[in-house]
Each structure stands twice: as C-alpha cells, then as structure tokens.
Amino acid sequence: GVLISDHNVRETLGVCDNAYIMSQGKVIESGNPDKIISSDIAKKIYLGENFKL
C-alpha cells in the first residue's frame, strides 16, 4: 500500500481505492471514492457542498 497526503482531492480520489478524510486530528470519513464523494460530513467539512469528481 501507499499513503498519500495531498490536498488535490480530485486527482487523489481518481487514483485511489480507499481514502480517509481527517479534521482536527480525527478521521471523519473513510471508504472508497464514491462513499467519500457522497458523504454529507465530508462535503460539509472538507469537500464543499458542490464538489464533483
């Protein structure tokens, strides 16, 4: 496995099998890119409400 820490979410989610979204030192969401993109909490805290891949 490979650990990538990056803020280029579109590019990163396009090449990974699983992702973790962290906020204030805690994992707030984890899963495959489709789960991350559809997560209300990930959109609210990190991705933005209008995020599209």
PDB file of N, CA and C in Angstrom:
ATOM      1  N   GLY A   1       0.828  -1.184   0.000  1.00  0.00           N
ATOM      2  CA  GLY A   1       0.000   0.000   0.000  1.00  0.00           C
ATOM      3  C   GLY A   1       0.866   1.238   0.000  1.00  0.00           C
ATOM      4  N   VAL A   2       0.244   2.335  -0.321  1.00  0.00           N
ATOM      5  CA  VAL A   2       0.904   3.639  -0.380  1.00  0.00           C
ATOM      6  C   VAL A   2       0.044   4.643   0.367  1.00  0.00           C
ATOM      7  N   LEU A   3       0.661   5.482   1.175  1.00  0.00           N
ATOM      8  CA  LEU A   3      -0.037   6.555   1.870  1.00  0.00           C
ATOM      9  C   LEU A   3       0.239   7.859   1.138  1.00  0.00           C
ATOM     10  N   ILE A   4      -0.821   8.539   0.717  1.00  0.00           N
ATOM     11  CA  ILE A   4      -0.691   9.829   0.042  1.00  0.00           C
ATOM     12  C   ILE A   4      -1.375  10.876   0.908  1.00  0.00           C
ATOM     13  N   SER A   5      -0.659  11.926   1.239  1.00  0.00           N
ATOM     14  CA  SER A   5      -1.228  13.061   1.956  1.00  0.00           C
ATOM     15  C   SER A   5      -1.220  14.232   0.988  1.00  0.00           C
ATOM     16  N   ASP A   6      -2.385  14.616   0.517  1.00  0.00           N
ATOM     17  CA  ASP A   6      -2.450  15.602  -0.557  1.00  0.00           C
ATOM     18  C   ASP A   6      -3.734  16.406  -0.462  1.00  0.00           C
ATOM     19  N   HIS A   7      -3.689  17.641  -0.918  1.00  0.00           N
ATOM     20  CA  HIS A   7      -4.875  18.494  -0.940  1.00  0.00           C
ATOM     21  C   HIS A   7      -5.515  18.550  -2.321  1.00  0.00           C
ATOM     22  N   ASN A   8      -4.956  17.868  -3.300  1.00  0.00           N
ATOM     23  CA  ASN A   8      -5.544  17.800  -4.641  1.00  0.00           C
ATOM     24  C   ASN A   8      -6.542  16.640  -4.672  1.00  0.00           C
ATOM     25  N   VAL A   9      -7.708  16.879  -4.095  1.00  0.00           N
ATOM     26  CA  VAL A   9      -8.682  15.807  -3.871  1.00  0.00           C
ATOM     27  C   VAL A   9      -9.147  15.167  -5.165  1.00  0.00           C
ATOM     28  N   ARG A  10      -9.421  15.942  -6.184  1.00  0.00           N
ATOM     29  CA  ARG A  10      -9.908  15.367  -7.446  1.00  0.00           C
ATOM     30  C   ARG A  10      -8.910  14.367  -8.022  1.00  0.00           C
ATOM     31  N   GLU A  11      -7.655  14.746  -8.060  1.00  0.00           N
ATOM     32  CA  GLU A  11      -6.634  13.863  -8.608  1.00  0.00           C
ATOM     33  C   GLU A  11      -6.424  12.641  -7.717  1.00  0.00           C
ATOM     34  N   THR A  12      -6.393  12.850  -6.417  1.00  0.00           N
ATOM     35  CA  THR A  12      -6.138  11.757  -5.488  1.00  0.00           C
ATOM     36  C   THR A  12      -7.272  10.737  -5.487  1.00  0.00           C
ATOM     37  N   LEU A  13      -8.516  11.200  -5.411  1.00  0.00           N
ATOM     38  CA  LEU A  13      -9.646  10.268  -5.414  1.00  0.00           C
ATOM     39  C   LEU A  13      -9.768   9.536  -6.747  1.00  0.00           C
ATOM     40  N   GLY A  14      -9.239  10.121  -7.800  1.00  0.00           N
ATOM     41  CA  GLY A  14      -9.282   9.477  -9.106  1.00  0.00           C
ATOM     42  C   GLY A  14      -8.347   8.288  -9.245  1.00  0.00           C
ATOM     43  N   VAL A  15      -7.360   8.167  -8.351  1.00  0.00           N
ATOM     44  CA  VAL A  15      -6.381   7.079  -8.477  1.00  0.00           C
ATOM     45  C   VAL A  15      -6.329   6.145  -7.267  1.00  0.00           C
ATOM     46  N   CYS A  16      -7.133   6.405  -6.245  1.00  0.00           N
ATOM     47  CA  CYS A  16      -7.045   5.565  -5.046  1.00  0.00           C
ATOM     48  C   CYS A  16      -8.232   4.608  -4.923  1.00  0.00           C
ATOM     49  N   ASP A  17      -8.021   3.557  -4.147  1.00  0.00           N
ATOM     50  CA  ASP A  17      -9.087   2.596  -3.854  1.00  0.00           C
ATOM     51  C   ASP A  17      -9.848   2.978  -2.589  1.00  0.00           C
ATOM     52  N   ASN A  18      -9.148   3.536  -1.620  1.00  0.00           N
ATOM     53  CA  ASN A  18      -9.738   3.952  -0.347  1.00  0.00           C
ATOM     54  C   ASN A  18      -9.149   5.281   0.073  1.00  0.00           C
ATOM     55  N   ALA A  19      -9.936   6.047   0.831  1.00  0.00           N
ATOM     56  CA  ALA A  19      -9.479   7.356   1.290  1.00  0.00           C
ATOM     57  C   ALA A  19      -9.964   7.600   2.714  1.00  0.00           C
ATOM     58  N   TYR A  20      -9.253   8.470   3.404  1.00  0.00           N
ATOM     59  CA  TYR A  20      -9.625   8.895   4.746  1.00  0.00           C
ATOM     60  C   TYR A  20      -9.639  10.412   4.749  1.00  0.00           C
ATOM     61  N   ILE A  21     -10.711  10.997   5.251  1.00  0.00           N
ATOM     62  CA  ILE A  21     -10.796  12.445   5.404  1.00  0.00           C
ATOM     63  C   ILE A  21     -10.645  12.726   6.893  1.00  0.00           C
ATOM     64  N   MET A  22      -9.669  13.586   7.225  1.00  0.00           N
ATOM     65  CA  MET A  22      -9.404  13.904   8.622  1.00  0.00           C
ATOM     66  C   MET A  22      -9.685  15.374   8.885  1.00  0.00           C
ATOM     67  N   SER A  23     -10.162  15.647  10.098  1.00  0.00           N
ATOM     68  CA  SER A  23     -10.392  17.014  10.552  1.00  0.00           C
ATOM     69  C   SER A  23     -10.043  17.078  12.029  1.00  0.00           C
ATOM     70  N   GLN A  24      -9.227  18.026  12.397  1.00  0.00           N
ATOM     71  CA  GLN A  24      -8.800  18.225  13.780  1.00  0.00           C
ATOM     72  C   GLN A  24      -8.239  16.943  14.398  1.00  0.00           C
ATOM     73  N   GLY A  25      -7.465  16.206  13.606  1.00  0.00           N
ATOM     74  CA  GLY A  25      -6.786  15.016  14.091  1.00  0.00           C
ATOM     75  C   GLY A  25      -7.631  13.763  14.176  1.00  0.00           C
ATOM     76  N   LYS A  26      -8.876  13.821  13.683  1.00  0.00           N
ATOM     77  CA  LYS A  26      -9.764  12.660  13.737  1.00  0.00           C
ATOM     78  C   LYS A  26     -10.256  12.304  12.346  1.00  0.00           C
ATOM     79  N   VAL A  27     -10.407  11.007  12.096  1.00  0.00           N
ATOM     80  CA  VAL A  27     -10.968  10.542  10.831  1.00  0.00           C
ATOM     81  C   VAL A  27     -12.469  10.801  10.871  1.00  0.00           C
ATOM     82  N   ILE A  28     -12.958  11.625   9.931  1.00  0.00           N
ATOM     83  CA  ILE A  28     -14.387  11.929   9.898  1.00  0.00           C
ATOM     84  C   ILE A  28     -15.128  11.101   8.854  1.00  0.00           C
ATOM     85  N   GLU A  29     -14.391  10.540   7.906  1.00  0.00           N
ATOM     86  CA  GLU A  29     -14.998   9.671   6.890  1.00  0.00           C
ATOM     87  C   GLU A  29     -13.914   8.811   6.286  1.00  0.00           C
ATOM     88  N   SER A  30     -14.286   7.596   5.911  1.00  0.00           N
ATOM     89  CA  SER A  30     -13.358   6.706   5.225  1.00  0.00           C
ATOM     90  C   SER A  30     -14.144   5.805   4.301  1.00  0.00           C
ATOM     91  N   GLY A  31     -13.461   5.338   3.259  1.00  0.00           N
ATOM     92  CA  GLY A  31     -14.102   4.425   2.322  1.00  0.00           C
ATOM     93  C   GLY A  31     -13.600   4.635   0.916  1.00  0.00           C
ATOM     94  N   ASN A  32     -14.305   4.031  -0.034  1.00  0.00           N
ATOM     95  CA  ASN A  32     -13.911   4.189  -1.432  1.00  0.00           C
ATOM     96  C   ASN A  32     -14.283   5.601  -1.906  1.00  0.00           C
ATOM     97  N   PRO A  33     -13.744   6.041  -3.038  1.00  0.00           N
ATOM     98  CA  PRO A  33     -14.008   7.401  -3.504  1.00  0.00           C
ATOM     99  C   PRO A  33     -15.496   7.741  -3.638  1.00  0.00           C
ATOM    100  N   ASP A  34     -16.323   6.802  -4.089  1.00  0.00           N
ATOM    101  CA  ASP A  34     -17.758   7.082  -4.210  1.00  0.00           C
ATOM    102  C   ASP A  34     -18.386   7.391  -2.856  1.00  0.00           C
ATOM    103  N   LYS A  35     -17.983   6.653  -1.833  1.00  0.00           N
ATOM    104  CA  LYS A  35     -18.507   6.904  -0.487  1.00  0.00           C
ATOM    105  C   LYS A  35     -18.061   8.271   0.016  1.00  0.00           C
ATOM    106  N   ILE A  36     -16.798   8.609  -0.211  1.00  0.00           N
ATOM    107  CA  ILE A  36     -16.275   9.902   0.236  1.00  0.00           C
ATOM    108  C   ILE A  36     -17.022  11.042  -0.454  1.00  0.00           C
ATOM    109  N   ILE A  37     -17.193  10.936  -1.762  1.00  0.00           N
ATOM    110  CA  ILE A  37     -17.845  11.996  -2.537  1.00  0.00           C
ATOM    111  C   ILE A  37     -19.295  12.196  -2.116  1.00  0.00           C
ATOM    112  N   SER A  38     -19.971  11.128  -1.733  1.00  0.00           N
ATOM    113  CA  SER A  38     -21.385  11.236  -1.364  1.00  0.00           C
ATOM    114  C   SER A  38     -21.601  11.499   0.129  1.00  0.00           C
ATOM    115  N   SER A  39     -20.536  11.567   0.898  1.00  0.00           N
ATOM    116  CA  SER A  39     -20.638  11.770   2.342  1.00  0.00           C
ATOM    117  C   SER A  39     -21.018  13.209   2.684  1.00  0.00           C
ATOM    118  N   ASP A  40     -22.109  13.374   3.413  1.00  0.00           N
ATOM    119  CA  ASP A  40     -22.537  14.711   3.830  1.00  0.00           C
ATOM    120  C   ASP A  40     -21.512  15.372   4.740  1.00  0.00           C
ATOM    121  N   ILE A  41     -20.932  14.606   5.661  1.00  0.00           N
ATOM    122  CA  ILE A  41     -19.949  15.178   6.581  1.00  0.00           C
ATOM    123  C   ILE A  41     -18.670  15.580   5.850  1.00  0.00           C
ATOM    124  N   ALA A  42     -18.216  14.771   4.899  1.00  0.00           N
ATOM    125  CA  ALA A  42     -17.018  15.124   4.128  1.00  0.00           C
ATOM    126  C   ALA A  42     -17.272  16.372   3.290  1.00  0.00           C
ATOM    127  N   LYS A  43     -18.466  16.487   2.716  1.00  0.00           N
ATOM    128  CA  LYS A  43     -18.817  17.686   1.942  1.00  0.00           C
ATOM    129  C   LYS A  43     -18.856  18.913   2.836  1.00  0.00           C
ATOM    130  N   LYS A  44     -19.471  18.784   3.992  1.00  0.00           N
ATOM    131  CA  LYS A  44     -19.623  19.927   4.892  1.00  0.00           C
ATOM    132  C   LYS A  44     -18.282  20.427   5.414  1.00  0.00           C
ATOM    133  N   ILE A  45     -17.412  19.499   5.817  1.00  0.00           N
ATOM    134  CA  ILE A  45     -16.166  19.897   6.474  1.00  0.00           C
ATOM    135  C   ILE A  45     -15.012  20.104   5.503  1.00  0.00           C
ATOM    136  N   TYR A  46     -14.942  19.325   4.418  1.00  0.00           N
ATOM    137  CA  TYR A  46     -13.732  19.365   3.589  1.00  0.00           C
ATOM    138  C   TYR A  46     -13.975  19.627   2.109  1.00  0.00           C
ATOM    139  N   LEU A  47     -14.870  18.882   1.494  1.00  0.00           N
ATOM    140  CA  LEU A  47     -15.008  18.935   0.035  1.00  0.00           C
ATOM    141  C   LEU A  47     -15.784  20.145  -0.464  1.00  0.00           C
ATOM    142  N   GLY A  48     -16.772  20.569   0.285  1.00  0.00           N
ATOM    143  CA  GLY A  48     -17.680  21.618  -0.176  1.00  0.00           C
ATOM    144  C   GLY A  48     -18.949  20.987  -0.723  1.00  0.00           C
ATOM    145  N   GLU A  49     -20.051  21.662  -0.565  1.00  0.00           N
ATOM    146  CA  GLU A  49     -21.359  21.118  -0.935  1.00  0.00           C
ATOM    147  C   GLU A  49     -21.492  20.814  -2.424  1.00  0.00           C
ATOM    148  N   ASN A  50     -20.787  21.533  -3.277  1.00  0.00           N
ATOM    149  CA  ASN A  50     -20.923  21.366  -4.729  1.00  0.00           C
ATOM    150  C   ASN A  50     -19.798  20.550  -5.351  1.00  0.00           C
ATOM    151  N   PHE A  51     -19.066  19.782  -4.547  1.00  0.00           N
ATOM    152  CA  PHE A  51     -17.923  19.024  -5.059  1.00  0.00           C
ATOM    153  C   PHE A  51     -18.360  17.982  -6.078  1.00  0.00           C
ATOM    154  N   LYS A  52     -17.661  17.924  -7.191  1.00  0.00           N
ATOM    155  CA  LYS A  52     -17.861  16.911  -8.235  1.00  0.00           C
ATOM    156  C   LYS A  52     -16.494  16.364  -8.615  1.00  0.00           C
ATOM    157  N   LEU A  53     -16.436  15.073  -8.919  1.00  0.00           N
ATOM    158  CA  LEU A  53     -15.168  14.457  -9.315  1.00  0.00           C
ATOM    159  C   LEU A  53     -14.927  14.634 -10.782  1.00  0.00           C
TER     160      LEU A  53
END
